[in-house]
Every structure is written in C-alpha cells, then in structure tokens.
Amino acid sequence: MNLYLKGFLYRILIDPLLAGVRASIVEKTGQATRVIDVACGTGRLALALAAKAGHVTGIDLDDKLISYASGRANKKGIKNILFEVKDATDLSCYRDREFDIALTSMAVHQFDELVAVKILREMKRIAPKVIIADYNSPMPAGFSRSLAYGIERIASGDHHRNFINYIAKGGIRYFTNAAGLSIKSSTVRGNGVFITVF
C-alpha cells in the first residue's frame, strides 16, 4: 500500500482515537530534559512533547515525513526540537543514556519481531526510561477494534503480517519482555484499542 495513503487513513481514522494516548505520554514525560521519539512519523507527538521537555529529537526513516514535521515545527516557531532522517533499527549514533526518555508510538506492531526487539533494546540503552504506545492485545470487540483491524488489513504486505504476529504474541508485553524491559504501569485508551506502557 502507498505509504501516504496509509498515512492519510491513519490521520483520518486512527489519529482522532490517539488524542488520549498522546496526552498520557506528554503527562508522563514531565519536565524531562532530553527526549527522543523513535519512528516519529509526522512528528505530532514530538511537537506536543516540546511544550514540556527541554529538547526533543524526532527520528524517522522517511525523509518526506521528517520534512513535514520540520516544517510544522518551523511554522509553530518551536525551537527546542530536531527532526532527523534516521533508521530506528540503527541507534548506534547515540551514546548510552544520551536521553532521559526514549519513546515510540504506534510503531512496534509494524516491524518484524526481531527488528522490533532490537529497537526496544537500543531504546533501553540510550535512555533510562522507555515509553511505548501501540495496539492493545487482546482488544475488546467493537467498532474501534474492527476499524483498527480493517486499517491494518488495508496496509497489507509485511506491515499486516507483522501486525497479526504482534497481536498473536500478546502485543507489547511480549515485546517488552523479549527486550528486557520492565513495565511499571500501563494505560489503556481508545475504547481498549491502544495501550501505553511506562
């Protein structure tokens, strides 16, 4: 599926459900000095975080999404944010504990299992606190669940296969365990479709 069509569908159908997820993440980051948003997409979460954090770095492999995010930051006059084209699967350019918080939102389910675990381990290396938001598993039956599954089916290919594997494995708890991360707390939002773990 075309990346930008998928992005459009997420923005129109899923993004409105994510408002509560973003708000809970911003609340949990507090006054952190240095935050990195891994696989930041359009930068919506990173831009919200910049209102509280000392400095935010947003990285994504897609140069068009990074250009869009940078343009939004410039338009809003936000100076304490940097968007860079970087591959989430290679965070070796960052030092151990370079950030106070590393976070990722709606990305883990997109990756191959081994790749997702590698990314989470690297996030753990570059920051003492990791925050992850993604699909909840299992999701309660209902319209929101059907919508999420429908969008993921439209995404097709590897993305859809990775989503099915993510759900089948039990969602984010499986991936955090595999990466050696401990969940201190979690919040379920969006009619039970999304979970944020801290």
N, C-alpha and C. Protein backbone atom coordinates (compact mmCIF):
# COMPACT_ATOMS: atom_id res chain seq x y z
N MET A 1 0.84 -1.19 0.00
CA MET A 1 0.00 0.00 0.00
C MET A 1 0.88 1.25 0.00
N ASN A 2 0.46 2.26 -0.72
CA ASN A 2 1.18 3.53 -0.76
C ASN A 2 1.29 4.10 0.65
N LEU A 3 2.53 4.48 1.03
CA LEU A 3 2.80 4.98 2.38
C LEU A 3 1.93 6.17 2.72
N TYR A 4 1.71 7.04 1.75
CA TYR A 4 0.97 8.27 2.04
C TYR A 4 -0.53 8.03 2.12
N LEU A 5 -1.04 7.03 1.38
CA LEU A 5 -2.44 6.64 1.53
C LEU A 5 -2.65 6.04 2.92
N LYS A 6 -1.71 5.19 3.33
CA LYS A 6 -1.78 4.61 4.67
C LYS A 6 -1.74 5.72 5.73
N GLY A 7 -0.84 6.68 5.53
CA GLY A 7 -0.73 7.80 6.46
C GLY A 7 -2.01 8.61 6.53
N PHE A 8 -2.64 8.80 5.36
CA PHE A 8 -3.92 9.52 5.31
C PHE A 8 -4.99 8.77 6.11
N LEU A 9 -5.06 7.46 5.90
CA LEU A 9 -6.05 6.66 6.63
C LEU A 9 -5.82 6.71 8.13
N TYR A 10 -4.55 6.62 8.55
CA TYR A 10 -4.25 6.73 9.97
C TYR A 10 -4.69 8.09 10.51
N ARG A 11 -4.38 9.15 9.75
CA ARG A 11 -4.69 10.50 10.22
C ARG A 11 -6.19 10.72 10.36
N ILE A 12 -6.95 10.20 9.41
CA ILE A 12 -8.39 10.42 9.41
C ILE A 12 -9.13 9.47 10.35
N LEU A 13 -8.71 8.20 10.38
CA LEU A 13 -9.47 7.19 11.11
C LEU A 13 -8.91 6.83 12.48
N ILE A 14 -7.59 6.72 12.59
CA ILE A 14 -6.98 6.27 13.85
C ILE A 14 -6.53 7.45 14.72
N ASP A 15 -5.96 8.47 14.08
CA ASP A 15 -5.38 9.58 14.83
C ASP A 15 -6.35 10.22 15.83
N PRO A 16 -7.62 10.43 15.46
CA PRO A 16 -8.53 11.02 16.46
C PRO A 16 -8.64 10.18 17.74
N LEU A 17 -8.50 8.86 17.60
CA LEU A 17 -8.56 7.98 18.78
C LEU A 17 -7.30 8.06 19.63
N LEU A 18 -6.22 8.62 19.04
CA LEU A 18 -4.93 8.66 19.74
C LEU A 18 -4.73 9.90 20.61
N ALA A 19 -5.68 10.81 20.61
CA ALA A 19 -5.52 12.05 21.39
C ALA A 19 -5.25 11.75 22.87
N GLY A 20 -5.98 10.81 23.44
CA GLY A 20 -5.78 10.44 24.83
C GLY A 20 -4.43 9.78 25.06
N VAL A 21 -3.97 9.00 24.09
CA VAL A 21 -2.66 8.36 24.18
C VAL A 21 -1.57 9.42 24.22
N ARG A 22 -1.64 10.37 23.29
CA ARG A 22 -0.64 11.45 23.26
C ARG A 22 -0.64 12.24 24.57
N ALA A 23 -1.83 12.55 25.07
CA ALA A 23 -1.92 13.33 26.31
C ALA A 23 -1.29 12.58 27.48
N SER A 24 -1.51 11.26 27.57
CA SER A 24 -0.93 10.50 28.68
C SER A 24 0.59 10.43 28.56
N ILE A 25 1.11 10.34 27.34
CA ILE A 25 2.56 10.31 27.16
C ILE A 25 3.17 11.65 27.55
N VAL A 26 2.56 12.74 27.09
CA VAL A 26 3.07 14.08 27.44
C VAL A 26 3.07 14.26 28.95
N GLU A 27 2.00 13.80 29.60
CA GLU A 27 1.91 13.91 31.06
C GLU A 27 3.03 13.11 31.73
N LYS A 28 3.30 11.92 31.24
CA LYS A 28 4.31 11.05 31.87
C LYS A 28 5.74 11.51 31.63
N THR A 29 5.97 12.30 30.60
CA THR A 29 7.34 12.77 30.35
C THR A 29 7.73 13.87 31.33
N GLY A 30 6.76 14.54 31.89
CA GLY A 30 7.05 15.59 32.86
C GLY A 30 7.96 16.66 32.27
N GLN A 31 8.94 17.06 33.04
CA GLN A 31 9.88 18.09 32.60
C GLN A 31 11.20 17.48 32.16
N ALA A 32 11.15 16.34 31.48
CA ALA A 32 12.38 15.67 31.04
C ALA A 32 13.24 16.62 30.22
N THR A 33 14.56 16.52 30.41
CA THR A 33 15.47 17.41 29.70
C THR A 33 15.64 17.01 28.25
N ARG A 34 15.83 15.71 28.00
CA ARG A 34 16.11 15.22 26.64
C ARG A 34 15.22 14.03 26.33
N VAL A 35 14.43 14.16 25.26
CA VAL A 35 13.50 13.10 24.86
C VAL A 35 13.75 12.76 23.39
N ILE A 36 13.70 11.47 23.05
CA ILE A 36 13.76 11.06 21.65
C ILE A 36 12.50 10.28 21.31
N ASP A 37 11.89 10.66 20.17
CA ASP A 37 10.71 9.97 19.64
C ASP A 37 11.19 9.14 18.46
N VAL A 38 11.22 7.83 18.63
CA VAL A 38 11.74 6.90 17.62
C VAL A 38 10.60 6.50 16.68
N ALA A 39 10.86 6.62 15.37
CA ALA A 39 9.84 6.38 14.34
C ALA A 39 8.70 7.38 14.54
N CYS A 40 9.06 8.67 14.51
CA CYS A 40 8.14 9.75 14.90
C CYS A 40 7.09 10.09 13.85
N GLY A 41 7.21 9.57 12.63
CA GLY A 41 6.21 9.86 11.61
C GLY A 41 6.07 11.34 11.32
N THR A 42 4.86 11.86 11.39
CA THR A 42 4.61 13.28 11.08
C THR A 42 5.05 14.21 12.21
N GLY A 43 5.50 13.65 13.33
CA GLY A 43 6.02 14.47 14.43
C GLY A 43 4.97 15.03 15.36
N ARG A 44 3.74 14.59 15.23
CA ARG A 44 2.66 15.16 16.06
C ARG A 44 2.93 14.99 17.56
N LEU A 45 3.36 13.80 17.96
CA LEU A 45 3.66 13.58 19.38
C LEU A 45 4.89 14.37 19.80
N ALA A 46 5.94 14.34 18.99
CA ALA A 46 7.17 15.07 19.33
C ALA A 46 6.90 16.57 19.50
N LEU A 47 6.07 17.12 18.65
CA LEU A 47 5.73 18.54 18.75
C LEU A 47 4.97 18.83 20.05
N ALA A 48 4.09 17.92 20.45
CA ALA A 48 3.36 18.10 21.71
C ALA A 48 4.32 18.01 22.90
N LEU A 49 5.29 17.10 22.81
CA LEU A 49 6.26 16.93 23.89
C LEU A 49 7.15 18.16 24.07
N ALA A 50 7.42 18.85 22.98
CA ALA A 50 8.32 20.01 23.02
C ALA A 50 7.79 21.12 23.93
N ALA A 51 6.48 21.13 24.20
CA ALA A 51 5.91 22.14 25.09
C ALA A 51 6.34 21.95 26.53
N LYS A 52 6.77 20.72 26.89
CA LYS A 52 7.16 20.44 28.27
C LYS A 52 8.63 20.07 28.42
N ALA A 53 9.17 19.34 27.45
CA ALA A 53 10.54 18.84 27.57
C ALA A 53 11.56 19.93 27.24
N GLY A 54 12.78 19.73 27.74
CA GLY A 54 13.85 20.67 27.43
C GLY A 54 14.21 20.64 25.96
N HIS A 55 14.40 19.43 25.42
CA HIS A 55 14.70 19.25 24.00
C HIS A 55 14.16 17.92 23.52
N VAL A 56 13.61 17.92 22.32
CA VAL A 56 13.04 16.71 21.73
C VAL A 56 13.73 16.43 20.41
N THR A 57 14.12 15.16 20.21
CA THR A 57 14.64 14.70 18.93
C THR A 57 13.63 13.72 18.35
N GLY A 58 13.24 13.93 17.11
CA GLY A 58 12.33 13.01 16.43
C GLY A 58 13.05 12.39 15.25
N ILE A 59 13.03 11.07 15.16
CA ILE A 59 13.69 10.40 14.04
C ILE A 59 12.72 9.50 13.30
N ASP A 60 12.90 9.44 11.99
CA ASP A 60 12.11 8.56 11.14
C ASP A 60 12.91 8.31 9.87
N LEU A 61 12.71 7.16 9.26
CA LEU A 61 13.44 6.81 8.04
C LEU A 61 12.89 7.54 6.82
N ASP A 62 11.65 7.98 6.88
CA ASP A 62 11.00 8.62 5.74
C ASP A 62 11.34 10.11 5.69
N ASP A 63 12.12 10.51 4.69
CA ASP A 63 12.55 11.91 4.61
C ASP A 63 11.38 12.87 4.37
N LYS A 64 10.32 12.42 3.70
CA LYS A 64 9.17 13.29 3.48
C LYS A 64 8.42 13.57 4.78
N LEU A 65 8.30 12.56 5.62
CA LEU A 65 7.65 12.76 6.92
C LEU A 65 8.49 13.69 7.80
N ILE A 66 9.80 13.52 7.76
CA ILE A 66 10.68 14.39 8.55
C ILE A 66 10.61 15.83 8.04
N SER A 67 10.56 16.00 6.73
CA SER A 67 10.43 17.33 6.15
C SER A 67 9.11 17.98 6.58
N TYR A 68 8.06 17.19 6.58
CA TYR A 68 6.75 17.69 7.02
C TYR A 68 6.80 18.10 8.49
N ALA A 69 7.38 17.23 9.33
CA ALA A 69 7.46 17.52 10.77
C ALA A 69 8.30 18.77 11.03
N SER A 70 9.42 18.89 10.33
CA SER A 70 10.29 20.07 10.50
C SER A 70 9.55 21.33 10.08
N GLY A 71 8.79 21.24 9.00
CA GLY A 71 8.02 22.39 8.53
C GLY A 71 6.99 22.83 9.56
N ARG A 72 6.34 21.85 10.19
CA ARG A 72 5.36 22.19 11.23
C ARG A 72 6.03 22.86 12.42
N ALA A 73 7.20 22.35 12.81
CA ALA A 73 7.93 22.97 13.94
C ALA A 73 8.32 24.40 13.60
N ASN A 74 8.81 24.62 12.39
CA ASN A 74 9.19 25.98 11.97
C ASN A 74 7.98 26.91 11.95
N LYS A 75 6.88 26.40 11.41
CA LYS A 75 5.66 27.21 11.31
C LYS A 75 5.15 27.61 12.69
N LYS A 76 5.29 26.70 13.66
CA LYS A 76 4.83 26.98 15.02
C LYS A 76 5.88 27.73 15.85
N GLY A 77 7.09 27.91 15.28
CA GLY A 77 8.15 28.62 16.00
C GLY A 77 8.74 27.82 17.15
N ILE A 78 8.70 26.49 17.05
CA ILE A 78 9.23 25.63 18.11
C ILE A 78 10.72 25.44 17.88
N LYS A 79 11.53 25.86 18.84
CA LYS A 79 12.99 25.85 18.66
C LYS A 79 13.69 24.68 19.36
N ASN A 80 13.03 24.08 20.33
CA ASN A 80 13.69 23.03 21.12
C ASN A 80 13.41 21.63 20.58
N ILE A 81 13.37 21.51 19.25
CA ILE A 81 13.09 20.23 18.62
C ILE A 81 13.96 20.05 17.39
N LEU A 82 14.39 18.82 17.16
CA LEU A 82 15.20 18.49 15.99
C LEU A 82 14.63 17.23 15.36
N PHE A 83 14.29 17.31 14.09
CA PHE A 83 13.82 16.15 13.34
C PHE A 83 14.93 15.70 12.40
N GLU A 84 15.24 14.39 12.43
CA GLU A 84 16.31 13.86 11.60
C GLU A 84 15.88 12.57 10.91
N VAL A 85 16.38 12.40 9.69
CA VAL A 85 16.16 11.16 8.96
C VAL A 85 17.15 10.13 9.50
N LYS A 86 16.64 9.18 10.25
CA LYS A 86 17.48 8.12 10.81
C LYS A 86 16.68 6.83 10.85
N ASP A 87 17.39 5.73 10.76
CA ASP A 87 16.77 4.41 10.78
C ASP A 87 16.62 3.95 12.23
N ALA A 88 15.39 3.66 12.64
CA ALA A 88 15.13 3.21 14.01
C ALA A 88 15.87 1.92 14.34
N THR A 89 16.23 1.15 13.32
CA THR A 89 16.91 -0.12 13.57
C THR A 89 18.41 0.07 13.84
N ASP A 90 18.90 1.30 13.71
CA ASP A 90 20.31 1.58 13.99
C ASP A 90 20.43 2.86 14.81
N LEU A 91 20.44 2.72 16.11
CA LEU A 91 20.57 3.87 17.02
C LEU A 91 21.99 4.00 17.56
N SER A 92 22.95 3.38 16.86
CA SER A 92 24.34 3.37 17.33
C SER A 92 24.97 4.76 17.35
N CYS A 93 24.37 5.72 16.67
CA CYS A 93 24.90 7.09 16.67
C CYS A 93 24.66 7.79 18.01
N TYR A 94 23.83 7.19 18.87
CA TYR A 94 23.53 7.79 20.17
C TYR A 94 24.29 7.08 21.29
N ARG A 95 24.78 7.88 22.23
CA ARG A 95 25.54 7.34 23.37
C ARG A 95 24.59 6.67 24.37
N ASP A 96 25.14 5.82 25.22
CA ASP A 96 24.38 5.26 26.33
C ASP A 96 23.81 6.40 27.17
N ARG A 97 22.55 6.29 27.50
CA ARG A 97 21.87 7.29 28.35
C ARG A 97 21.98 8.71 27.81
N GLU A 98 22.00 8.87 26.51
CA GLU A 98 22.06 10.21 25.92
C GLU A 98 20.76 10.98 26.16
N PHE A 99 19.67 10.25 26.33
CA PHE A 99 18.36 10.86 26.54
C PHE A 99 17.81 10.45 27.90
N ASP A 100 16.90 11.26 28.43
CA ASP A 100 16.21 10.91 29.67
C ASP A 100 15.09 9.92 29.38
N ILE A 101 14.42 10.11 28.24
CA ILE A 101 13.30 9.26 27.86
C ILE A 101 13.40 8.94 26.38
N ALA A 102 13.21 7.67 26.05
CA ALA A 102 13.06 7.24 24.65
C ALA A 102 11.64 6.70 24.52
N LEU A 103 10.93 7.15 23.51
CA LEU A 103 9.57 6.69 23.33
C LEU A 103 9.29 6.37 21.88
N THR A 104 8.29 5.55 21.67
CA THR A 104 7.82 5.24 20.33
C THR A 104 6.32 5.02 20.40
N SER A 105 5.63 5.47 19.37
CA SER A 105 4.17 5.39 19.36
C SER A 105 3.68 4.78 18.04
N MET A 106 2.89 3.72 18.15
CA MET A 106 2.27 3.06 17.00
C MET A 106 3.30 2.61 15.97
N ALA A 107 4.43 2.09 16.46
CA ALA A 107 5.48 1.64 15.54
C ALA A 107 5.85 0.17 15.73
N VAL A 108 5.84 -0.32 16.96
CA VAL A 108 6.33 -1.68 17.23
C VAL A 108 5.58 -2.70 16.38
N HIS A 109 4.27 -2.57 16.26
CA HIS A 109 3.47 -3.55 15.52
C HIS A 109 3.81 -3.60 14.03
N GLN A 110 4.48 -2.56 13.53
CA GLN A 110 4.81 -2.51 12.10
C GLN A 110 6.05 -3.33 11.74
N PHE A 111 6.89 -3.56 12.75
CA PHE A 111 8.20 -4.17 12.49
C PHE A 111 8.16 -5.69 12.61
N ASP A 112 9.07 -6.33 11.89
CA ASP A 112 9.35 -7.75 12.10
C ASP A 112 9.72 -7.94 13.58
N GLU A 113 9.37 -9.07 14.13
CA GLU A 113 9.56 -9.32 15.56
C GLU A 113 11.01 -9.07 16.03
N LEU A 114 11.99 -9.64 15.34
CA LEU A 114 13.38 -9.47 15.76
C LEU A 114 13.84 -8.02 15.66
N VAL A 115 13.37 -7.34 14.63
CA VAL A 115 13.71 -5.93 14.45
C VAL A 115 13.11 -5.10 15.58
N ALA A 116 11.84 -5.36 15.91
CA ALA A 116 11.17 -4.62 16.98
C ALA A 116 11.90 -4.79 18.31
N VAL A 117 12.30 -6.00 18.62
CA VAL A 117 13.02 -6.26 19.87
C VAL A 117 14.36 -5.54 19.87
N LYS A 118 15.06 -5.55 18.75
CA LYS A 118 16.34 -4.84 18.64
C LYS A 118 16.16 -3.35 18.90
N ILE A 119 15.13 -2.76 18.31
CA ILE A 119 14.86 -1.33 18.50
C ILE A 119 14.59 -1.03 19.98
N LEU A 120 13.76 -1.85 20.62
CA LEU A 120 13.44 -1.62 22.02
C LEU A 120 14.67 -1.76 22.91
N ARG A 121 15.53 -2.72 22.62
CA ARG A 121 16.78 -2.87 23.39
C ARG A 121 17.66 -1.64 23.24
N GLU A 122 17.73 -1.11 22.02
CA GLU A 122 18.53 0.09 21.80
C GLU A 122 17.92 1.30 22.50
N MET A 123 16.59 1.38 22.51
CA MET A 123 15.94 2.47 23.23
C MET A 123 16.28 2.39 24.72
N LYS A 124 16.31 1.18 25.24
CA LYS A 124 16.68 0.97 26.65
C LYS A 124 18.12 1.40 26.90
N ARG A 125 18.98 1.23 25.92
CA ARG A 125 20.39 1.61 26.07
C ARG A 125 20.57 3.12 26.07
N ILE A 126 19.82 3.82 25.22
CA ILE A 126 20.06 5.26 25.07
C ILE A 126 19.27 6.11 26.06
N ALA A 127 18.36 5.47 26.83
CA ALA A 127 17.58 6.22 27.82
C ALA A 127 17.20 5.32 28.99
N PRO A 128 17.22 5.85 30.21
CA PRO A 128 16.85 5.04 31.37
C PRO A 128 15.35 4.77 31.47
N LYS A 129 14.54 5.59 30.78
CA LYS A 129 13.09 5.41 30.81
C LYS A 129 12.60 5.24 29.38
N VAL A 130 11.77 4.21 29.15
CA VAL A 130 11.21 3.93 27.83
C VAL A 130 9.69 3.95 27.94
N ILE A 131 9.06 4.64 26.99
CA ILE A 131 7.60 4.70 26.92
C ILE A 131 7.19 4.17 25.54
N ILE A 132 6.23 3.26 25.53
CA ILE A 132 5.78 2.65 24.28
C ILE A 132 4.26 2.71 24.22
N ALA A 133 3.72 3.22 23.11
CA ALA A 133 2.28 3.19 22.87
C ALA A 133 2.04 2.39 21.59
N ASP A 134 1.07 1.50 21.64
CA ASP A 134 0.75 0.69 20.47
C ASP A 134 -0.61 0.05 20.68
N TYR A 135 -0.95 -0.86 19.79
CA TYR A 135 -2.22 -1.56 19.92
C TYR A 135 -2.23 -2.43 21.18
N ASN A 136 -3.39 -2.48 21.81
CA ASN A 136 -3.61 -3.36 22.94
C ASN A 136 -3.90 -4.77 22.42
N SER A 137 -3.49 -5.76 23.15
CA SER A 137 -3.81 -7.13 22.77
C SER A 137 -4.08 -7.95 24.03
N PRO A 138 -5.26 -8.57 24.11
CA PRO A 138 -6.32 -8.54 23.11
C PRO A 138 -7.13 -7.24 23.19
N MET A 139 -7.73 -6.87 22.07
CA MET A 139 -8.61 -5.71 22.02
C MET A 139 -10.04 -6.17 22.27
N PRO A 140 -10.82 -5.39 23.00
CA PRO A 140 -12.22 -5.75 23.18
C PRO A 140 -12.98 -5.63 21.86
N ALA A 141 -13.96 -6.49 21.67
CA ALA A 141 -14.78 -6.46 20.45
C ALA A 141 -15.52 -5.14 20.36
N GLY A 142 -15.75 -4.69 19.14
CA GLY A 142 -16.50 -3.46 18.93
C GLY A 142 -16.03 -2.73 17.69
N PHE A 143 -16.63 -1.57 17.46
CA PHE A 143 -16.33 -0.80 16.25
C PHE A 143 -14.86 -0.39 16.18
N SER A 144 -14.30 0.08 17.31
CA SER A 144 -12.91 0.55 17.31
C SER A 144 -11.94 -0.58 16.94
N ARG A 145 -12.20 -1.76 17.47
CA ARG A 145 -11.37 -2.92 17.12
C ARG A 145 -11.49 -3.24 15.63
N SER A 146 -12.71 -3.25 15.13
CA SER A 146 -12.94 -3.54 13.71
C SER A 146 -12.24 -2.51 12.83
N LEU A 147 -12.28 -1.26 13.25
CA LEU A 147 -11.62 -0.19 12.50
C LEU A 147 -10.11 -0.40 12.46
N ALA A 148 -9.53 -0.71 13.61
CA ALA A 148 -8.08 -0.93 13.69
C ALA A 148 -7.67 -2.12 12.82
N TYR A 149 -8.39 -3.22 12.93
CA TYR A 149 -8.08 -4.40 12.13
C TYR A 149 -8.25 -4.12 10.64
N GLY A 150 -9.27 -3.34 10.30
CA GLY A 150 -9.51 -3.01 8.90
C GLY A 150 -8.39 -2.17 8.31
N ILE A 151 -7.93 -1.19 9.06
CA ILE A 151 -6.84 -0.35 8.57
C ILE A 151 -5.57 -1.16 8.42
N GLU A 152 -5.30 -2.02 9.37
CA GLU A 152 -4.10 -2.86 9.27
C GLU A 152 -4.19 -3.84 8.10
N ARG A 153 -5.41 -4.30 7.80
CA ARG A 153 -5.59 -5.19 6.64
C ARG A 153 -5.32 -4.42 5.35
N ILE A 154 -5.78 -3.17 5.29
CA ILE A 154 -5.54 -2.33 4.11
C ILE A 154 -4.04 -2.08 3.93
N ALA A 155 -3.32 -1.95 5.03
CA ALA A 155 -1.86 -1.71 4.95
C ALA A 155 -1.18 -2.86 4.21
N SER A 156 -1.69 -4.06 4.37
CA SER A 156 -1.25 -5.27 3.67
C SER A 156 0.25 -5.57 3.80
N GLY A 157 0.71 -6.56 3.04
CA GLY A 157 2.12 -6.92 2.97
C GLY A 157 2.74 -7.22 4.32
N ASP A 158 4.03 -6.87 4.45
CA ASP A 158 4.77 -7.12 5.69
C ASP A 158 4.14 -6.41 6.88
N HIS A 159 3.64 -5.21 6.63
CA HIS A 159 3.03 -4.44 7.72
C HIS A 159 1.89 -5.24 8.34
N HIS A 160 1.00 -5.76 7.51
CA HIS A 160 -0.14 -6.52 8.03
C HIS A 160 0.31 -7.81 8.70
N ARG A 161 1.26 -8.51 8.08
CA ARG A 161 1.78 -9.76 8.69
C ARG A 161 2.40 -9.48 10.05
N ASN A 162 3.16 -8.39 10.15
CA ASN A 162 3.78 -8.04 11.44
C ASN A 162 2.73 -7.68 12.48
N PHE A 163 1.67 -7.00 12.06
CA PHE A 163 0.58 -6.66 12.98
C PHE A 163 -0.09 -7.94 13.51
N ILE A 164 -0.38 -8.88 12.62
CA ILE A 164 -1.01 -10.14 13.02
C ILE A 164 -0.11 -10.90 14.01
N ASN A 165 1.19 -10.91 13.74
CA ASN A 165 2.14 -11.57 14.65
C ASN A 165 2.18 -10.86 16.00
N TYR A 166 2.18 -9.53 15.96
CA TYR A 166 2.19 -8.71 17.19
C TYR A 166 0.99 -9.06 18.06
N ILE A 167 -0.19 -9.11 17.45
CA ILE A 167 -1.42 -9.44 18.20
C ILE A 167 -1.36 -10.88 18.71
N ALA A 168 -0.95 -11.80 17.85
CA ALA A 168 -0.90 -13.22 18.22
C ALA A 168 0.07 -13.47 19.37
N LYS A 169 1.15 -12.71 19.46
CA LYS A 169 2.15 -12.88 20.52
C LYS A 169 1.69 -12.28 21.85
N GLY A 170 0.62 -11.51 21.80
CA GLY A 170 0.15 -10.90 23.04
C GLY A 170 0.46 -9.42 23.14
N GLY A 171 0.88 -8.83 22.03
CA GLY A 171 1.10 -7.39 21.99
C GLY A 171 2.36 -6.93 22.68
N ILE A 172 2.30 -5.73 23.20
CA ILE A 172 3.51 -5.04 23.66
C ILE A 172 4.19 -5.75 24.83
N ARG A 173 3.45 -6.44 25.65
CA ARG A 173 4.06 -7.13 26.79
C ARG A 173 5.05 -8.20 26.33
N TYR A 174 4.71 -8.90 25.27
CA TYR A 174 5.65 -9.89 24.73
C TYR A 174 6.94 -9.21 24.28
N PHE A 175 6.81 -8.10 23.58
CA PHE A 175 7.99 -7.43 23.02
C PHE A 175 8.84 -6.77 24.11
N THR A 176 8.20 -6.19 25.11
CA THR A 176 8.98 -5.60 26.21
C THR A 176 9.73 -6.69 26.98
N ASN A 177 9.08 -7.82 27.22
CA ASN A 177 9.76 -8.94 27.89
C ASN A 177 10.96 -9.42 27.09
N ALA A 178 10.77 -9.58 25.79
CA ALA A 178 11.86 -10.05 24.93
C ALA A 178 13.03 -9.07 24.90
N ALA A 179 12.73 -7.78 25.08
CA ALA A 179 13.77 -6.75 25.05
C ALA A 179 14.38 -6.49 26.43
N GLY A 180 13.87 -7.17 27.46
CA GLY A 180 14.40 -6.98 28.81
C GLY A 180 13.92 -5.71 29.48
N LEU A 181 12.75 -5.23 29.07
CA LEU A 181 12.17 -4.03 29.67
C LEU A 181 11.12 -4.41 30.71
N SER A 182 11.09 -3.68 31.81
CA SER A 182 10.09 -3.91 32.86
C SER A 182 9.01 -2.86 32.74
N ILE A 183 7.75 -3.30 32.76
CA ILE A 183 6.63 -2.37 32.72
C ILE A 183 6.26 -1.99 34.15
N LYS A 184 6.34 -0.70 34.45
CA LYS A 184 5.98 -0.21 35.78
C LYS A 184 4.49 0.09 35.86
N SER A 185 3.93 0.64 34.76
CA SER A 185 2.50 0.94 34.72
C SER A 185 2.03 0.96 33.27
N SER A 186 0.72 0.89 33.10
CA SER A 186 0.16 0.93 31.74
C SER A 186 -1.18 1.64 31.77
N THR A 187 -1.54 2.20 30.62
CA THR A 187 -2.80 2.90 30.47
C THR A 187 -3.45 2.44 29.17
N VAL A 188 -4.72 2.05 29.24
CA VAL A 188 -5.46 1.62 28.05
C VAL A 188 -6.40 2.75 27.65
N ARG A 189 -6.41 3.04 26.35
CA ARG A 189 -7.23 4.16 25.83
C ARG A 189 -7.93 3.74 24.54
N GLY A 190 -8.69 4.68 23.99
CA GLY A 190 -9.31 4.47 22.68
C GLY A 190 -10.22 3.27 22.63
N ASN A 191 -11.14 3.19 23.60
CA ASN A 191 -12.09 2.06 23.65
C ASN A 191 -11.38 0.71 23.75
N GLY A 192 -10.23 0.71 24.43
CA GLY A 192 -9.49 -0.53 24.66
C GLY A 192 -8.57 -0.93 23.52
N VAL A 193 -8.44 -0.10 22.49
CA VAL A 193 -7.64 -0.44 21.31
C VAL A 193 -6.16 -0.15 21.53
N PHE A 194 -5.83 0.88 22.31
CA PHE A 194 -4.44 1.29 22.48
C PHE A 194 -3.98 1.11 23.91
N ILE A 195 -2.70 0.82 24.05
CA ILE A 195 -2.08 0.71 25.37
C ILE A 195 -0.77 1.49 25.37
N THR A 196 -0.55 2.18 26.46
CA THR A 196 0.74 2.86 26.66
C THR A 196 1.39 2.23 27.89
N VAL A 197 2.65 1.83 27.75
CA VAL A 197 3.37 1.23 28.88
C VAL A 197 4.54 2.12 29.24
N PHE A 198 4.79 2.19 30.55
CA PHE A 198 5.83 3.06 31.08
C PHE A 198 6.81 2.24 31.91
